[in-house]
Amino acid sequence: MVARKKSRPRKESPPFNGRDLKVNGKGVPLRSQAEEALQCYFETLNGHKPAHLYDLVMREVEEPLFKVVMGHVQGNQSRAATILGINRGTLRKKLKEFGINE
């Protein structure tokens, strides 16, 4: 009889939420970067009134989000959908909408 080596259960790391991100020892969560960008936007309005800000932000953020995630997963749609927290059908629709090659 040959002794088998016990396999240890693998510990899965918790999903990264972005709030743990550090650059040069300082926390730089996505939220603070978005807040800074929005402050900059309001400062550059030069007295003009903002309108449809939600739509503007979504248009500016959504496409790069999908491009970066698809690059990160090397085109694997299942992994991308999991990372984004959406189903694969929605991912495919968005990729087509943005003209991003799967």
N, C-alpha and C. Protein backbone atom coordinates (compact mmCIF):
# COMPACT_ATOMS: atom_id res chain seq x y z
N MET A 1 0.84 -1.18 0.00
CA MET A 1 0.00 0.00 0.00
C MET A 1 0.89 1.25 0.00
N VAL A 2 0.58 2.19 -0.86
CA VAL A 2 1.37 3.42 -0.98
C VAL A 2 0.67 4.53 -0.21
N ALA A 3 1.46 5.22 0.60
CA ALA A 3 0.89 6.33 1.37
C ALA A 3 0.63 7.51 0.44
N ARG A 4 -0.53 8.09 0.59
CA ARG A 4 -0.87 9.26 -0.22
C ARG A 4 -0.66 10.52 0.59
N LYS A 5 -0.16 11.50 -0.08
CA LYS A 5 0.03 12.79 0.57
C LYS A 5 -1.33 13.47 0.70
N LYS A 6 -1.61 13.95 1.91
CA LYS A 6 -2.87 14.65 2.12
C LYS A 6 -2.85 15.97 1.37
N SER A 7 -3.92 16.22 0.65
CA SER A 7 -3.99 17.52 -0.02
C SER A 7 -4.75 18.48 0.89
N ARG A 8 -4.19 19.65 1.01
CA ARG A 8 -4.84 20.68 1.82
C ARG A 8 -5.89 21.39 0.99
N PRO A 9 -7.00 21.71 1.62
CA PRO A 9 -7.99 22.50 0.87
C PRO A 9 -7.39 23.87 0.55
N ARG A 10 -7.59 24.29 -0.68
CA ARG A 10 -7.04 25.59 -1.08
C ARG A 10 -7.88 26.71 -0.49
N LYS A 11 -7.17 27.69 0.03
CA LYS A 11 -7.86 28.88 0.53
C LYS A 11 -8.06 29.82 -0.63
N GLU A 12 -9.30 30.17 -0.85
CA GLU A 12 -9.57 31.14 -1.90
C GLU A 12 -9.53 32.53 -1.30
N SER A 13 -8.84 33.41 -2.00
CA SER A 13 -8.78 34.78 -1.49
C SER A 13 -10.12 35.46 -1.74
N PRO A 14 -10.49 36.36 -0.83
CA PRO A 14 -11.77 37.06 -1.02
C PRO A 14 -11.69 37.96 -2.25
N PRO A 15 -12.83 38.26 -2.88
CA PRO A 15 -12.80 39.13 -4.05
C PRO A 15 -12.24 40.50 -3.68
N PHE A 16 -11.46 41.05 -4.59
CA PHE A 16 -10.86 42.36 -4.37
C PHE A 16 -11.91 43.43 -4.61
N ASN A 17 -12.10 44.32 -3.65
CA ASN A 17 -13.18 45.31 -3.78
C ASN A 17 -12.70 46.70 -4.16
N GLY A 18 -11.41 46.89 -4.35
CA GLY A 18 -10.90 48.20 -4.76
C GLY A 18 -10.61 49.12 -3.59
N ARG A 19 -11.25 48.88 -2.47
CA ARG A 19 -11.01 49.74 -1.31
C ARG A 19 -9.69 49.40 -0.64
N ASP A 20 -9.11 48.25 -1.00
CA ASP A 20 -7.85 47.83 -0.41
C ASP A 20 -6.65 48.30 -1.22
N LEU A 21 -6.88 48.94 -2.35
CA LEU A 21 -5.81 49.35 -3.24
C LEU A 21 -4.91 50.39 -2.58
N LYS A 22 -3.62 50.19 -2.71
CA LYS A 22 -2.66 51.14 -2.14
C LYS A 22 -1.63 51.50 -3.21
N VAL A 23 -1.26 52.77 -3.27
CA VAL A 23 -0.18 53.24 -4.13
C VAL A 23 0.73 54.07 -3.24
N ASN A 24 2.00 53.67 -3.20
CA ASN A 24 2.97 54.32 -2.31
C ASN A 24 2.47 54.36 -0.87
N GLY A 25 1.83 53.28 -0.45
CA GLY A 25 1.36 53.17 0.92
C GLY A 25 0.09 53.94 1.23
N LYS A 26 -0.44 54.65 0.25
CA LYS A 26 -1.65 55.43 0.48
C LYS A 26 -2.83 54.75 -0.21
N GLY A 27 -3.97 54.75 0.46
CA GLY A 27 -5.17 54.18 -0.13
C GLY A 27 -5.70 55.07 -1.24
N VAL A 28 -6.00 54.49 -2.39
CA VAL A 28 -6.56 55.25 -3.50
C VAL A 28 -7.74 54.48 -4.10
N PRO A 29 -8.81 54.35 -3.35
CA PRO A 29 -9.93 53.60 -3.89
C PRO A 29 -10.54 54.32 -5.09
N LEU A 30 -11.18 53.54 -5.92
CA LEU A 30 -11.82 54.07 -7.11
C LEU A 30 -12.78 55.19 -6.76
N ARG A 31 -13.45 55.06 -5.63
CA ARG A 31 -14.41 56.07 -5.20
C ARG A 31 -13.76 57.45 -5.07
N SER A 32 -12.58 57.52 -4.45
CA SER A 32 -11.93 58.82 -4.27
C SER A 32 -11.45 59.37 -5.60
N GLN A 33 -11.04 58.50 -6.52
CA GLN A 33 -10.63 58.98 -7.84
C GLN A 33 -11.83 59.52 -8.61
N ALA A 34 -12.97 58.86 -8.48
CA ALA A 34 -14.18 59.35 -9.14
C ALA A 34 -14.61 60.69 -8.55
N GLU A 35 -14.53 60.78 -7.24
CA GLU A 35 -14.90 62.03 -6.56
C GLU A 35 -14.01 63.18 -7.02
N GLU A 36 -12.72 62.92 -7.13
CA GLU A 36 -11.78 63.95 -7.58
C GLU A 36 -12.08 64.37 -9.02
N ALA A 37 -12.39 63.41 -9.88
CA ALA A 37 -12.71 63.72 -11.27
C ALA A 37 -13.98 64.55 -11.37
N LEU A 38 -14.97 64.23 -10.54
CA LEU A 38 -16.21 65.00 -10.56
C LEU A 38 -16.00 66.42 -10.03
N GLN A 39 -15.19 66.57 -8.99
CA GLN A 39 -14.85 67.91 -8.49
C GLN A 39 -14.20 68.72 -9.60
N CYS A 40 -13.29 68.10 -10.31
CA CYS A 40 -12.60 68.77 -11.43
C CYS A 40 -13.60 69.18 -12.50
N TYR A 41 -14.54 68.31 -12.80
CA TYR A 41 -15.57 68.60 -13.79
C TYR A 41 -16.35 69.85 -13.41
N PHE A 42 -16.79 69.92 -12.15
CA PHE A 42 -17.56 71.07 -11.70
C PHE A 42 -16.73 72.35 -11.70
N GLU A 43 -15.46 72.23 -11.39
CA GLU A 43 -14.59 73.42 -11.39
C GLU A 43 -14.37 73.97 -12.79
N THR A 44 -14.46 73.12 -13.81
CA THR A 44 -14.20 73.57 -15.17
C THR A 44 -15.46 73.97 -15.94
N LEU A 45 -16.60 73.99 -15.27
CA LEU A 45 -17.84 74.36 -15.95
C LEU A 45 -17.90 75.84 -16.32
N ASN A 46 -17.12 76.67 -15.65
CA ASN A 46 -17.08 78.11 -15.93
C ASN A 46 -18.47 78.74 -15.94
N GLY A 47 -19.25 78.42 -14.92
CA GLY A 47 -20.56 79.04 -14.78
C GLY A 47 -21.68 78.33 -15.52
N HIS A 48 -21.35 77.39 -16.38
CA HIS A 48 -22.39 76.64 -17.09
C HIS A 48 -23.05 75.67 -16.12
N LYS A 49 -24.33 75.43 -16.36
CA LYS A 49 -25.07 74.51 -15.48
C LYS A 49 -24.93 73.08 -16.01
N PRO A 50 -24.60 72.16 -15.12
CA PRO A 50 -24.50 70.76 -15.56
C PRO A 50 -25.89 70.20 -15.82
N ALA A 51 -25.96 69.25 -16.74
CA ALA A 51 -27.22 68.58 -17.04
C ALA A 51 -26.94 67.12 -17.41
N HIS A 52 -27.86 66.27 -17.06
CA HIS A 52 -27.75 64.85 -17.39
C HIS A 52 -26.42 64.26 -16.94
N LEU A 53 -26.01 64.60 -15.75
CA LEU A 53 -24.71 64.17 -15.23
C LEU A 53 -24.61 62.66 -15.10
N TYR A 54 -25.68 62.02 -14.66
CA TYR A 54 -25.65 60.57 -14.50
C TYR A 54 -25.33 59.88 -15.82
N ASP A 55 -26.03 60.28 -16.88
CA ASP A 55 -25.80 59.69 -18.20
C ASP A 55 -24.37 59.95 -18.67
N LEU A 56 -23.88 61.17 -18.43
CA LEU A 56 -22.52 61.52 -18.82
C LEU A 56 -21.50 60.62 -18.12
N VAL A 57 -21.66 60.46 -16.82
CA VAL A 57 -20.71 59.64 -16.06
C VAL A 57 -20.77 58.19 -16.53
N MET A 58 -21.96 57.67 -16.72
CA MET A 58 -22.08 56.28 -17.16
C MET A 58 -21.44 56.07 -18.53
N ARG A 59 -21.64 57.00 -19.45
CA ARG A 59 -21.02 56.89 -20.78
C ARG A 59 -19.50 56.93 -20.68
N GLU A 60 -18.99 57.79 -19.82
CA GLU A 60 -17.55 57.95 -19.69
C GLU A 60 -16.87 56.77 -18.99
N VAL A 61 -17.58 56.10 -18.11
CA VAL A 61 -16.97 55.06 -17.29
C VAL A 61 -17.23 53.65 -17.83
N GLU A 62 -18.41 53.43 -18.36
CA GLU A 62 -18.81 52.07 -18.71
C GLU A 62 -17.94 51.44 -19.81
N GLU A 63 -17.70 52.15 -20.89
CA GLU A 63 -16.91 51.57 -21.98
C GLU A 63 -15.49 51.23 -21.56
N PRO A 64 -14.76 52.15 -20.90
CA PRO A 64 -13.41 51.77 -20.46
C PRO A 64 -13.43 50.61 -19.45
N LEU A 65 -14.47 50.56 -18.63
CA LEU A 65 -14.60 49.46 -17.68
C LEU A 65 -14.62 48.12 -18.42
N PHE A 66 -15.46 48.03 -19.44
CA PHE A 66 -15.57 46.78 -20.19
C PHE A 66 -14.28 46.47 -20.95
N LYS A 67 -13.64 47.49 -21.52
CA LYS A 67 -12.38 47.27 -22.25
C LYS A 67 -11.30 46.73 -21.32
N VAL A 68 -11.17 47.34 -20.17
CA VAL A 68 -10.11 46.93 -19.23
C VAL A 68 -10.38 45.54 -18.69
N VAL A 69 -11.62 45.26 -18.32
CA VAL A 69 -11.94 43.94 -17.79
C VAL A 69 -11.71 42.87 -18.86
N MET A 70 -12.14 43.11 -20.09
CA MET A 70 -11.93 42.12 -21.14
C MET A 70 -10.44 41.90 -21.40
N GLY A 71 -9.65 42.95 -21.32
CA GLY A 71 -8.21 42.78 -21.46
C GLY A 71 -7.62 41.99 -20.31
N HIS A 72 -8.10 42.27 -19.11
CA HIS A 72 -7.62 41.59 -17.91
C HIS A 72 -7.86 40.08 -17.98
N VAL A 73 -9.00 39.69 -18.53
CA VAL A 73 -9.35 38.26 -18.60
C VAL A 73 -8.99 37.66 -19.96
N GLN A 74 -8.26 38.41 -20.76
CA GLN A 74 -7.81 37.95 -22.08
C GLN A 74 -8.97 37.46 -22.95
N GLY A 75 -10.07 38.20 -22.91
CA GLY A 75 -11.22 37.90 -23.76
C GLY A 75 -12.17 36.84 -23.25
N ASN A 76 -11.92 36.29 -22.08
CA ASN A 76 -12.78 35.23 -21.54
C ASN A 76 -14.07 35.87 -20.99
N GLN A 77 -15.16 35.69 -21.72
CA GLN A 77 -16.41 36.34 -21.37
C GLN A 77 -17.01 35.83 -20.07
N SER A 78 -16.85 34.57 -19.79
CA SER A 78 -17.39 34.02 -18.54
C SER A 78 -16.70 34.66 -17.34
N ARG A 79 -15.38 34.77 -17.41
CA ARG A 79 -14.64 35.40 -16.31
C ARG A 79 -14.97 36.88 -16.20
N ALA A 80 -15.11 37.55 -17.35
CA ALA A 80 -15.44 38.98 -17.35
C ALA A 80 -16.81 39.20 -16.72
N ALA A 81 -17.78 38.39 -17.09
CA ALA A 81 -19.13 38.54 -16.54
C ALA A 81 -19.12 38.34 -15.03
N THR A 82 -18.34 37.37 -14.57
CA THR A 82 -18.24 37.12 -13.13
C THR A 82 -17.62 38.31 -12.42
N ILE A 83 -16.55 38.85 -12.97
CA ILE A 83 -15.88 40.01 -12.36
C ILE A 83 -16.83 41.20 -12.30
N LEU A 84 -17.57 41.41 -13.38
CA LEU A 84 -18.49 42.56 -13.46
C LEU A 84 -19.78 42.34 -12.67
N GLY A 85 -20.08 41.09 -12.34
CA GLY A 85 -21.31 40.80 -11.61
C GLY A 85 -22.54 40.88 -12.48
N ILE A 86 -22.38 40.56 -13.76
CA ILE A 86 -23.50 40.57 -14.70
C ILE A 86 -23.54 39.21 -15.40
N ASN A 87 -24.65 38.92 -16.08
CA ASN A 87 -24.68 37.65 -16.81
C ASN A 87 -24.01 37.82 -18.17
N ARG A 88 -23.66 36.69 -18.78
CA ARG A 88 -22.91 36.72 -20.03
C ARG A 88 -23.69 37.36 -21.17
N GLY A 89 -25.01 37.20 -21.15
CA GLY A 89 -25.83 37.82 -22.19
C GLY A 89 -25.75 39.35 -22.15
N THR A 90 -25.79 39.89 -20.94
CA THR A 90 -25.66 41.35 -20.78
C THR A 90 -24.27 41.80 -21.21
N LEU A 91 -23.27 41.02 -20.85
CA LEU A 91 -21.90 41.36 -21.26
C LEU A 91 -21.80 41.41 -22.78
N ARG A 92 -22.30 40.40 -23.44
CA ARG A 92 -22.23 40.35 -24.91
C ARG A 92 -22.95 41.55 -25.53
N LYS A 93 -24.10 41.92 -24.97
CA LYS A 93 -24.86 43.07 -25.46
C LYS A 93 -24.04 44.35 -25.34
N LYS A 94 -23.39 44.52 -24.19
CA LYS A 94 -22.58 45.72 -23.94
C LYS A 94 -21.34 45.74 -24.85
N LEU A 95 -20.72 44.59 -25.03
CA LEU A 95 -19.55 44.52 -25.91
C LEU A 95 -19.93 44.92 -27.34
N LYS A 96 -21.08 44.45 -27.78
CA LYS A 96 -21.55 44.81 -29.12
C LYS A 96 -21.87 46.30 -29.19
N GLU A 97 -22.53 46.83 -28.15
CA GLU A 97 -22.89 48.25 -28.09
C GLU A 97 -21.66 49.14 -28.18
N PHE A 98 -20.58 48.74 -27.51
CA PHE A 98 -19.35 49.55 -27.49
C PHE A 98 -18.39 49.20 -28.62
N GLY A 99 -18.72 48.19 -29.41
CA GLY A 99 -17.84 47.80 -30.50
C GLY A 99 -16.54 47.19 -30.02
N ILE A 100 -16.62 46.51 -28.89
CA ILE A 100 -15.44 45.87 -28.32
C ILE A 100 -15.39 44.43 -28.85
N ASN A 101 -14.29 44.09 -29.49
CA ASN A 101 -14.16 42.72 -30.02
C ASN A 101 -13.97 41.75 -28.88
N GLU A 102 -14.78 40.72 -28.90
CA GLU A 102 -14.66 39.70 -27.89
C GLU A 102 -13.40 38.97 -28.16
